[in-house]
Protein backbone atom coordinates (compact mmCIF):
# COMPACT_ATOMS: atom_id res chain seq x y z
CA UNK A 1 -0.26 0.01 0.15
CA UNK A 2 1.40 3.40 -0.96
CA UNK A 3 2.42 5.55 1.99
CA UNK A 4 0.38 8.55 3.03
CA UNK A 5 3.06 11.64 3.40
CA UNK A 6 2.50 12.87 6.46
CA UNK A 7 4.63 16.27 7.25
CA UNK A 8 5.92 16.47 10.53
CA UNK A 9 5.18 18.76 13.44
CA UNK A 10 8.67 20.59 12.95
CA UNK A 11 7.97 20.70 8.88
CA UNK A 12 4.72 22.35 9.62
CA UNK A 13 6.24 24.84 12.27
CA UNK A 14 8.75 25.38 9.89
CA UNK A 15 6.70 26.32 6.80
CA UNK A 16 4.66 28.28 9.09
CA UNK A 17 7.48 30.24 10.04
CA UNK A 18 9.14 31.00 6.80
CA UNK A 19 5.80 31.98 5.59
CA UNK A 20 5.47 34.04 8.30
CA UNK A 21 8.75 35.17 7.42
CA UNK A 22 7.75 36.32 3.84
CA UNK A 23 4.29 37.86 5.06
CA UNK A 24 6.06 39.74 7.79
CA UNK A 25 8.39 41.42 4.99
CA UNK A 26 5.99 41.97 2.11
CA UNK A 27 3.84 43.64 5.49
CA UNK A 28 6.77 45.83 6.38
CA UNK A 29 7.75 46.66 3.03
CA UNK A 30 3.87 47.95 2.00
CA UNK A 31 3.99 49.66 5.62
CA UNK A 32 6.79 52.06 5.09
CA UNK A 33 4.77 55.41 4.98
CA UNK A 34 6.25 58.73 6.05
CA UNK A 35 3.57 60.07 8.58
CA UNK A 36 5.36 63.24 9.30
CA UNK A 37 4.16 66.50 6.79
CA UNK A 38 8.03 67.87 7.21
CA UNK A 39 8.90 64.18 4.91
CA UNK A 40 6.94 65.05 2.33
CA UNK A 41 8.38 65.09 -1.04
CA UNK A 42 8.20 68.71 -2.25
CA UNK A 43 6.62 69.06 -6.06
CA UNK A 44 4.06 68.19 -8.21
CA UNK A 45 1.59 65.62 -8.02
CA UNK A 46 -1.35 64.24 -10.28
CA UNK A 47 -4.57 62.63 -8.43
CA UNK A 48 -4.83 58.60 -8.59
CA UNK A 49 -8.05 57.66 -9.80
CA UNK A 50 -8.11 54.05 -9.31
CA UNK A 51 -7.81 54.71 -4.98
CA UNK A 52 -9.83 58.20 -4.87
CA UNK A 53 -13.17 57.91 -3.76
CA UNK A 54 -15.80 60.55 -3.46
CA UNK A 55 -18.61 60.02 -1.42
CA UNK A 56 -21.63 62.29 -0.98
CA UNK A 57 -24.06 62.11 1.89
CA UNK A 58 -27.71 63.06 2.02
CA UNK A 59 -30.37 63.30 4.76
CA UNK A 60 -33.51 61.32 3.29
CA UNK A 61 -36.29 62.13 4.70
CA UNK A 62 -34.65 63.49 8.20
CA UNK A 63 -34.33 59.60 8.58
CA UNK A 64 -31.22 58.42 7.37
CA UNK A 65 -28.34 59.72 5.62
CA UNK A 66 -28.13 58.64 1.86
CA UNK A 67 -24.67 58.26 0.35
CA UNK A 68 -23.58 57.62 -2.87
CA UNK A 69 -20.04 58.02 -5.06
CA UNK A 70 -18.46 59.72 -7.94
CA UNK A 71 -15.71 57.88 -9.51
CA UNK A 72 -12.58 58.75 -12.19
CA UNK A 73 -11.54 61.84 -10.51
CA UNK A 74 -8.82 63.48 -11.73
CA UNK A 75 -6.85 66.64 -10.89
CA UNK A 76 -3.59 68.56 -9.61
CA UNK A 77 -1.42 68.89 -6.71
CA UNK A 78 1.18 71.07 -5.90
CA UNK A 79 2.79 70.60 -2.42
CA UNK A 80 6.01 72.12 -0.49
CA UNK A 81 5.82 71.34 3.13
CA UNK A 82 7.87 73.99 3.91
CA UNK A 83 5.87 76.46 2.34
CA UNK A 84 1.91 76.52 2.42
CA UNK A 85 1.46 79.57 0.19
CA UNK A 86 2.66 77.65 -2.94
CA UNK A 87 0.98 75.08 -2.28
CA UNK A 88 -2.45 74.37 -4.69
CA UNK A 89 -5.18 72.00 -5.48
CA UNK A 90 -7.56 71.67 -8.76
CA UNK A 91 -9.94 68.55 -8.89
CA UNK A 92 -12.36 67.68 -11.88
CA UNK A 93 -15.25 65.06 -11.40
CA UNK A 94 -17.17 63.36 -13.94
CA UNK A 95 -21.01 64.18 -12.96
CA UNK A 96 -22.09 61.48 -15.08
CA UNK A 97 -20.05 59.03 -12.76
CA UNK A 98 -22.59 59.12 -9.90
CA UNK A 99 -23.62 55.69 -8.58
CA UNK A 100 -25.97 54.67 -5.48
CA UNK A 101 -27.37 51.29 -5.08
CA UNK A 102 -30.20 51.68 -6.95
CA UNK A 103 -29.91 51.63 -10.78
CA UNK A 104 -33.34 53.81 -10.93
CA UNK A 105 -31.85 56.63 -9.05
CA UNK A 106 -28.56 56.90 -11.07
CA UNK A 107 -30.40 57.78 -13.99
CA UNK A 108 -32.81 60.35 -12.16
CA UNK A 109 -29.59 62.20 -10.37
CA UNK A 110 -28.04 62.38 -14.14
CA UNK A 111 -31.22 63.82 -15.51
CA UNK A 112 -32.13 67.50 -15.87
CA UNK A 113 -33.86 67.20 -12.37
CA UNK A 114 -31.03 66.89 -10.58
CA UNK A 115 -27.45 67.22 -12.03
CA UNK A 116 -28.21 67.48 -15.35
CA UNK A 117 -24.89 65.99 -16.54
CA UNK A 118 -25.54 66.07 -20.29
CA UNK A 119 -25.34 70.07 -19.93
CA UNK A 120 -22.96 70.11 -17.07
CA UNK A 121 -20.33 66.94 -17.40
CA UNK A 122 -17.98 68.15 -14.62
CA UNK A 123 -17.71 69.35 -11.37
CA UNK A 124 -14.37 71.22 -10.28
CA UNK A 125 -12.77 72.71 -7.39
CA UNK A 126 -10.14 75.03 -7.32
CA UNK A 127 -8.27 76.33 -4.50
CA UNK A 128 -7.61 79.80 -3.74
CA UNK A 129 -5.79 79.68 -0.29
CA UNK A 130 -4.19 76.86 1.94
CA UNK A 131 -4.00 77.75 5.37
CA UNK A 132 -2.39 75.20 7.98
CA UNK A 133 -4.15 74.74 11.48
CA UNK A 134 -2.07 72.02 12.44
CA UNK A 135 0.30 69.16 12.19
CA UNK A 136 -0.56 67.66 8.97
CA UNK A 137 -4.16 69.59 8.68
CA UNK A 138 -5.32 72.78 6.40
CA UNK A 139 -8.40 74.51 5.57
CA UNK A 140 -8.11 74.43 2.30
CA UNK A 141 -10.77 77.84 -0.07
CA UNK A 142 -11.54 78.06 -2.97
CA UNK A 143 -14.25 77.59 -5.59
CA UNK A 144 -16.72 74.73 -6.27
CA UNK A 145 -17.71 74.69 -9.76
CA UNK A 146 -21.17 72.46 -9.83
CA UNK A 147 -24.58 72.65 -12.66
CA UNK A 148 -22.88 75.79 -14.10
CA UNK A 149 -22.66 77.61 -10.69
CA UNK A 150 -19.36 78.65 -9.53
CA UNK A 151 -19.47 79.41 -5.33
CA UNK A 152 -16.71 79.72 -2.55
CA UNK A 153 -16.10 76.00 -0.75
CA UNK A 154 -13.51 75.31 1.70
CA UNK A 155 -12.38 72.14 2.56
CA UNK A 156 -10.91 70.29 5.83
CA UNK A 157 -7.39 68.24 4.83
CA UNK A 158 -6.32 65.76 6.71
CA UNK A 159 -2.62 64.30 5.39
CA UNK A 160 -2.58 60.69 6.30
CA UNK A 161 0.74 60.06 4.97
CA UNK A 162 3.30 59.59 2.48
CA UNK A 163 4.72 55.98 0.89
CA UNK A 164 6.36 53.87 -2.24
CA UNK A 165 3.11 52.10 -3.50
CA UNK A 166 5.05 48.67 -3.33
CA UNK A 167 3.10 47.83 -6.81
CA UNK A 168 3.84 50.63 -9.19
CA UNK A 169 6.67 51.80 -7.21
CA UNK A 170 5.09 55.27 -7.80
CA UNK A 171 5.67 58.04 -4.75
CA UNK A 172 2.25 58.68 -3.35
CA UNK A 173 0.77 60.93 -0.65
CA UNK A 174 -2.83 60.66 1.09
CA UNK A 175 -5.23 62.64 2.08
CA UNK A 176 -8.66 62.47 4.38
CA UNK A 177 -10.75 65.67 2.89
CA UNK A 178 -14.21 66.36 3.77
CA UNK A 179 -16.54 69.45 3.69
CA UNK A 180 -20.22 70.53 3.18
CA UNK A 181 -21.76 72.12 0.26
CA UNK A 182 -25.59 73.10 0.46
CA UNK A 183 -27.39 72.21 -3.38
CA UNK A 184 -29.95 74.92 -3.88
CA UNK A 185 -26.94 77.76 -4.01
CA UNK A 186 -26.04 75.39 -6.97
CA UNK A 187 -29.45 75.42 -8.30
CA UNK A 188 -30.09 71.84 -7.25
CA UNK A 189 -33.36 72.20 -5.67
CA UNK A 190 -35.36 68.84 -6.15
CA UNK A 191 -37.31 67.70 -3.26
CA UNK A 192 -35.84 70.18 -0.70
CA UNK A 193 -36.57 69.40 2.22
CA UNK A 194 -37.74 65.98 1.91
CA UNK A 195 -34.41 65.24 0.47
CA UNK A 196 -31.83 67.30 2.49
CA UNK A 197 -30.16 70.59 1.35
CA UNK A 198 -26.94 70.17 2.86
CA UNK A 199 -24.64 67.79 1.17
CA UNK A 200 -21.68 66.12 2.80
CA UNK A 201 -18.57 65.48 0.93
CA UNK A 202 -16.00 62.86 2.12
CA UNK A 203 -12.69 62.17 -0.07
CA UNK A 204 -10.07 60.11 0.33
CA UNK A 205 -7.46 61.34 -2.02
CA UNK A 206 -4.38 59.65 -3.41
CA UNK A 207 -1.58 61.67 -5.21
CA UNK A 208 1.14 60.00 -7.37
CA UNK A 209 4.41 62.44 -7.72
CA UNK A 210 4.71 63.66 -11.36
């Protein structure tokens, strides 16, 4: 009868140890993040759309917050950790990328009754002033263009860290961004106040060095 191979306890332990070494090395390489803003590489960056998420939330009947996303964003960032006065940011988002858990609602939001993506295909934020408010924190004042209307807007920005992406070797910086806009000020008034006027924006932004 053929003998069934049974690995010994030492072999199993050794295999687990080797796997742990390789896994640990991989995690260590992926975890080399520079968290001090002063260590960030200055220069020009481009927004990396594959790992950037634009989430929006709005009150629904005053009972829940309904969330959706935009994708396919593009943009640029000029960053100098020593002199924030020269920093600049611009982000463009395709309106037709709006997505929720409802295909029917997606079509409604793209229609002329709501965002009118055919007539106003992009929304854009362009910074006018960046004011540091703490270590890795800043207020970014600028203009937001949405639904054919341009108005002042302010975003809260938190620096998450910088790292060499272990997959594509691109030097990448990451930020958590938040803000709030009143949609009626941009002419999007459908079902206010049943559907909330105040729209919360949460942006997880990744920028790669050019």
